[in-house]
Amino acid sequence: MVLRLRQTEEVDLDYILSAENNEENRQYIITWSREKHLQAINTPDSLHLIVQKETKVGYVILAGLTNVDNAIELRRIVITEKGKGYGKATIEMIKELAFNNYKAHRLWLDVKLQNLRAQSIYKTAGFVVEGILRECLKTGNKYDSLIIMSLLQQEYNNN
């Protein structure tokens, strides 16, 4: 499986919005407008990437690239072709990018409490649970909790 990450372009936004609004993905992420994605594409603090094989299989957003604490947030990962190992492979590429290219000290993320599949992938990739933000996100008529997870540079280097 040869996956690669490339810069998101404006022509990719229809694919991204469709991926976000897919029922399987929408329950686990906060959907963004086209304008918000364009802003993320064009700001130096963010990296908006397409995950691609022969075709697009997902996208990733990293934030905090200019953070003085060298803490990069994995703000979003959406894989549209599930069950093929693309999520795991993408996480490995993100770790390499964050720690080797951007010299991050910390790579962190939040994941909805009910997203057990993603939590398992993150734990397998070496991320550690730091805590839970209880019922911090209003989704329709209910509140969702977020788990905060991170991986430190020395943990990445020891793997």
C-alpha atoms as a PDB file:
ATOM      1  CA  MET A   1       0.000   0.000   0.000  1.00  0.00           C
ATOM      2  CA  VAL A   2       1.602   3.230  -1.132  1.00  0.00           C
ATOM      3  CA  LEU A   3      -0.080   6.168   0.546  1.00  0.00           C
ATOM      4  CA  ARG A   4       1.127   9.706   0.334  1.00  0.00           C
ATOM      5  CA  LEU A   5       0.195  13.041   1.804  1.00  0.00           C
ATOM      6  CA  ARG A   6      -0.103  16.101  -0.400  1.00  0.00           C
ATOM      7  CA  GLN A   7      -1.202  19.679   0.147  1.00  0.00           C
ATOM      8  CA  THR A   8      -4.945  20.170  -0.122  1.00  0.00           C
ATOM      9  CA  GLU A   9      -5.996  22.406  -2.984  1.00  0.00           C
ATOM     10  CA  GLU A  10      -9.229  24.321  -3.419  1.00  0.00           C
ATOM     11  CA  VAL A  11     -10.384  21.764  -6.027  1.00  0.00           C
ATOM     12  CA  ASP A  12     -10.319  19.096  -3.259  1.00  0.00           C
ATOM     13  CA  LEU A  13     -12.943  20.857  -1.140  1.00  0.00           C
ATOM     14  CA  ASP A  14     -15.974  19.107  -2.667  1.00  0.00           C
ATOM     15  CA  TYR A  15     -14.396  15.760  -1.764  1.00  0.00           C
ATOM     16  CA  ILE A  16     -13.603  16.970   1.766  1.00  0.00           C
ATOM     17  CA  LEU A  17     -17.086  18.346   2.408  1.00  0.00           C
ATOM     18  CA  SER A  18     -18.626  15.138   1.085  1.00  0.00           C
ATOM     19  CA  ALA A  19     -16.348  13.045   3.345  1.00  0.00           C
ATOM     20  CA  GLU A  20     -17.273  15.145   6.383  1.00  0.00           C
ATOM     21  CA  ASN A  21     -20.980  14.885   5.728  1.00  0.00           C
ATOM     22  CA  ASN A  22     -20.923  11.134   5.233  1.00  0.00           C
ATOM     23  CA  GLU A  23     -22.966   9.645   8.099  1.00  0.00           C
ATOM     24  CA  GLU A  24     -20.138   7.319   9.121  1.00  0.00           C
ATOM     25  CA  ASN A  25     -17.786  10.293   9.621  1.00  0.00           C
ATOM     26  CA  ARG A  26     -20.128  13.105  10.665  1.00  0.00           C
ATOM     27  CA  GLN A  27     -20.925  11.499  14.021  1.00  0.00           C
ATOM     28  CA  TYR A  28     -17.265  11.740  15.056  1.00  0.00           C
ATOM     29  CA  ILE A  29     -16.207  15.184  13.823  1.00  0.00           C
ATOM     30  CA  ILE A  30     -17.351  18.782  13.833  1.00  0.00           C
ATOM     31  CA  THR A  31     -18.125  19.639  10.241  1.00  0.00           C
ATOM     32  CA  TRP A  32     -16.637  22.785   8.761  1.00  0.00           C
ATOM     33  CA  SER A  33     -17.766  25.159   6.051  1.00  0.00           C
ATOM     34  CA  ARG A  34     -15.916  25.488   2.763  1.00  0.00           C
ATOM     35  CA  GLU A  35     -14.637  28.870   3.990  1.00  0.00           C
ATOM     36  CA  LYS A  36     -13.204  27.405   7.198  1.00  0.00           C
ATOM     37  CA  HIS A  37     -11.351  24.729   5.213  1.00  0.00           C
ATOM     38  CA  LEU A  38     -10.011  27.406   2.844  1.00  0.00           C
ATOM     39  CA  GLN A  39      -8.784  29.350   5.850  1.00  0.00           C
ATOM     40  CA  ALA A  40      -6.986  26.236   7.170  1.00  0.00           C
ATOM     41  CA  ILE A  41      -5.425  25.658   3.741  1.00  0.00           C
ATOM     42  CA  ASN A  42      -4.123  29.220   3.609  1.00  0.00           C
ATOM     43  CA  THR A  43      -2.849  29.816   7.145  1.00  0.00           C
ATOM     44  CA  PRO A  44       0.824  29.179   8.011  1.00  0.00           C
ATOM     45  CA  ASP A  45      -0.190  27.683  11.374  1.00  0.00           C
ATOM     46  CA  SER A  46      -2.092  24.800   9.739  1.00  0.00           C
ATOM     47  CA  LEU A  47      -1.330  21.993   7.354  1.00  0.00           C
ATOM     48  CA  HIS A  48      -4.295  20.694   5.354  1.00  0.00           C
ATOM     49  CA  LEU A  49      -3.414  17.469   3.556  1.00  0.00           C
ATOM     50  CA  ILE A  50      -5.046  14.961   1.247  1.00  0.00           C
ATOM     51  CA  VAL A  51      -4.346  11.278   1.918  1.00  0.00           C
ATOM     52  CA  GLN A  52      -3.960   9.681  -1.482  1.00  0.00           C
ATOM     53  CA  LYS A  53      -3.335   6.326  -3.059  1.00  0.00           C
ATOM     54  CA  GLU A  54      -4.286   6.276  -6.755  1.00  0.00           C
ATOM     55  CA  THR A  55      -7.354   8.200  -5.607  1.00  0.00           C
ATOM     56  CA  LYS A  56      -8.143  10.279  -2.532  1.00  0.00           C
ATOM     57  CA  VAL A  57      -8.794   8.131   0.534  1.00  0.00           C
ATOM     58  CA  GLY A  58      -8.988  10.840   3.199  1.00  0.00           C
ATOM     59  CA  TYR A  59      -7.667  14.080   4.553  1.00  0.00           C
ATOM     60  CA  VAL A  60      -5.811  15.418   7.578  1.00  0.00           C
ATOM     61  CA  ILE A  61      -5.573  18.788   9.299  1.00  0.00           C
ATOM     62  CA  LEU A  62      -2.660  19.635  11.583  1.00  0.00           C
ATOM     63  CA  ALA A  63      -2.645  22.852  13.601  1.00  0.00           C
ATOM     64  CA  GLY A  64      -0.160  24.656  15.800  1.00  0.00           C
ATOM     65  CA  LEU A  65       2.761  24.514  13.381  1.00  0.00           C
ATOM     66  CA  THR A  66       3.947  27.895  14.688  1.00  0.00           C
ATOM     67  CA  ASN A  67       3.174  27.082  18.342  1.00  0.00           C
ATOM     68  CA  VAL A  68       5.979  28.345  20.612  1.00  0.00           C
ATOM     69  CA  ASP A  69       5.576  25.253  22.793  1.00  0.00           C
ATOM     70  CA  ASN A  70       6.230  22.954  19.811  1.00  0.00           C
ATOM     71  CA  ALA A  71       2.865  21.264  20.355  1.00  0.00           C
ATOM     72  CA  ILE A  72       1.126  20.225  17.141  1.00  0.00           C
ATOM     73  CA  GLU A  73      -2.523  19.263  17.169  1.00  0.00           C
ATOM     74  CA  LEU A  74      -3.865  16.515  14.955  1.00  0.00           C
ATOM     75  CA  ARG A  75      -7.055  18.487  14.479  1.00  0.00           C
ATOM     76  CA  ARG A  76      -8.747  16.154  12.053  1.00  0.00           C
ATOM     77  CA  ILE A  77      -8.289  12.887  10.243  1.00  0.00           C
ATOM     78  CA  VAL A  78     -11.026  11.499   8.021  1.00  0.00           C
ATOM     79  CA  ILE A  79     -10.472   8.292   6.070  1.00  0.00           C
ATOM     80  CA  THR A  80     -13.149   7.540   3.493  1.00  0.00           C
ATOM     81  CA  GLU A  81     -12.105   3.964   2.719  1.00  0.00           C
ATOM     82  CA  LYS A  82     -12.450   2.150   6.020  1.00  0.00           C
ATOM     83  CA  GLY A  83     -10.989  -1.178   7.075  1.00  0.00           C
ATOM     84  CA  LYS A  84      -7.989  -1.116   4.723  1.00  0.00           C
ATOM     85  CA  GLY A  85      -5.311   0.091   7.152  1.00  0.00           C
ATOM     86  CA  TYR A  86      -5.199   3.606   5.682  1.00  0.00           C
ATOM     87  CA  GLY A  87      -5.906   5.228   9.044  1.00  0.00           C
ATOM     88  CA  LYS A  88      -3.012   3.447  10.756  1.00  0.00           C
ATOM     89  CA  ALA A  89      -0.643   4.210   7.891  1.00  0.00           C
ATOM     90  CA  THR A  90      -1.720   7.857   7.845  1.00  0.00           C
ATOM     91  CA  ILE A  91      -1.103   8.216  11.590  1.00  0.00           C
ATOM     92  CA  GLU A  92       2.445   6.902  11.094  1.00  0.00           C
ATOM     93  CA  MET A  93       3.052   9.471   8.328  1.00  0.00           C
ATOM     94  CA  ILE A  94       1.642  12.235  10.551  1.00  0.00           C
ATOM     95  CA  LYS A  95       3.936  11.258  13.424  1.00  0.00           C
ATOM     96  CA  GLU A  96       6.958  11.324  11.123  1.00  0.00           C
ATOM     97  CA  LEU A  97       5.931  14.696   9.705  1.00  0.00           C
ATOM     98  CA  ALA A  98       5.276  16.242  13.130  1.00  0.00           C
ATOM     99  CA  PHE A  99       8.409  14.994  14.873  1.00  0.00           C
ATOM    100  CA  ASN A 100      10.937  14.853  12.037  1.00  0.00           C
ATOM    101  CA  ASN A 101       9.895  17.705   9.743  1.00  0.00           C
ATOM    102  CA  TYR A 102       8.299  20.157  12.190  1.00  0.00           C
ATOM    103  CA  LYS A 103      10.429  19.175  15.219  1.00  0.00           C
ATOM    104  CA  ALA A 104       7.380  18.915  17.471  1.00  0.00           C
ATOM    105  CA  HIS A 105       7.848  18.143  21.139  1.00  0.00           C
ATOM    106  CA  ARG A 106       4.224  17.009  21.493  1.00  0.00           C
ATOM    107  CA  LEU A 107       1.595  15.724  19.073  1.00  0.00           C
ATOM    108  CA  TRP A 108      -1.873  15.774  20.550  1.00  0.00           C
ATOM    109  CA  LEU A 109      -5.495  15.218  19.584  1.00  0.00           C
ATOM    110  CA  ASP A 110      -8.973  14.921  20.948  1.00  0.00           C
ATOM    111  CA  VAL A 111     -11.315  12.092  20.074  1.00  0.00           C
ATOM    112  CA  LYS A 112     -14.973  11.607  20.930  1.00  0.00           C
ATOM    113  CA  LEU A 113     -15.540   9.146  23.752  1.00  0.00           C
ATOM    114  CA  GLN A 114     -17.762   6.955  21.571  1.00  0.00           C
ATOM    115  CA  ASN A 115     -15.199   6.719  18.738  1.00  0.00           C
ATOM    116  CA  LEU A 116     -13.695   3.426  19.891  1.00  0.00           C
ATOM    117  CA  ARG A 117     -12.164   2.554  16.510  1.00  0.00           C
ATOM    118  CA  ALA A 118     -10.094   5.763  16.434  1.00  0.00           C
ATOM    119  CA  GLN A 119      -9.080   5.413  20.085  1.00  0.00           C
ATOM    120  CA  SER A 120      -7.748   1.927  19.381  1.00  0.00           C
ATOM    121  CA  ILE A 121      -5.722   3.159  16.398  1.00  0.00           C
ATOM    122  CA  TYR A 122      -4.261   6.045  18.414  1.00  0.00           C
ATOM    123  CA  LYS A 123      -3.331   3.796  21.353  1.00  0.00           C
ATOM    124  CA  THR A 124      -1.671   1.289  19.018  1.00  0.00           C
ATOM    125  CA  ALA A 125       0.275   4.211  17.502  1.00  0.00           C
ATOM    126  CA  GLY A 126       1.630   5.100  20.964  1.00  0.00           C
ATOM    127  CA  PHE A 127      -0.702   7.918  22.003  1.00  0.00           C
ATOM    128  CA  VAL A 128      -1.400   8.167  25.737  1.00  0.00           C
ATOM    129  CA  VAL A 129      -4.714   9.212  27.272  1.00  0.00           C
ATOM    130  CA  GLU A 130      -4.246  12.430  29.246  1.00  0.00           C
ATOM    131  CA  GLY A 131      -7.802  12.950  30.376  1.00  0.00           C
ATOM    132  CA  ILE A 132     -11.420  13.492  29.454  1.00  0.00           C
ATOM    133  CA  LEU A 133     -13.236  16.742  28.813  1.00  0.00           C
ATOM    134  CA  ARG A 134     -16.612  15.669  30.120  1.00  0.00           C
ATOM    135  CA  GLU A 135     -19.661  16.627  28.037  1.00  0.00           C
ATOM    136  CA  CYS A 136     -17.853  19.616  26.558  1.00  0.00           C
ATOM    137  CA  LEU A 137     -19.323  19.457  23.066  1.00  0.00           C
ATOM    138  CA  LYS A 138     -23.010  19.981  22.272  1.00  0.00           C
ATOM    139  CA  THR A 139     -24.167  17.783  19.421  1.00  0.00           C
ATOM    140  CA  GLY A 140     -27.826  18.269  18.654  1.00  0.00           C
ATOM    141  CA  ASN A 141     -29.736  17.570  21.875  1.00  0.00           C
ATOM    142  CA  LYS A 142     -26.903  15.798  23.680  1.00  0.00           C
ATOM    143  CA  TYR A 143     -23.399  16.477  24.950  1.00  0.00           C
ATOM    144  CA  ASP A 144     -20.306  14.546  23.899  1.00  0.00           C
ATOM    145  CA  SER A 145     -17.138  14.032  25.916  1.00  0.00           C
ATOM    146  CA  LEU A 146     -13.684  14.303  24.375  1.00  0.00           C
ATOM    147  CA  ILE A 147     -10.640  12.220  25.281  1.00  0.00           C
ATOM    148  CA  ILE A 148      -7.335  14.115  25.084  1.00  0.00           C
ATOM    149  CA  MET A 149      -4.417  11.974  23.880  1.00  0.00           C
ATOM    150  CA  SER A 150      -0.808  12.824  23.116  1.00  0.00           C
ATOM    151  CA  LEU A 151       2.523  11.462  22.036  1.00  0.00           C
ATOM    152  CA  LEU A 152       5.782  13.103  23.106  1.00  0.00           C
ATOM    153  CA  GLN A 153       8.907  13.306  20.994  1.00  0.00           C
ATOM    154  CA  GLN A 154      10.911  11.039  23.331  1.00  0.00           C
ATOM    155  CA  GLU A 155       8.125   8.423  23.180  1.00  0.00           C
ATOM    156  CA  TYR A 156       8.159   8.622  19.379  1.00  0.00           C
ATOM    157  CA  ASN A 157      11.956   8.286  19.313  1.00  0.00           C
ATOM    158  CA  ASN A 158      11.861   5.245  21.633  1.00  0.00           C
ATOM    159  CA  ASN A 159       9.551   3.276  19.322  1.00  0.00           C
END
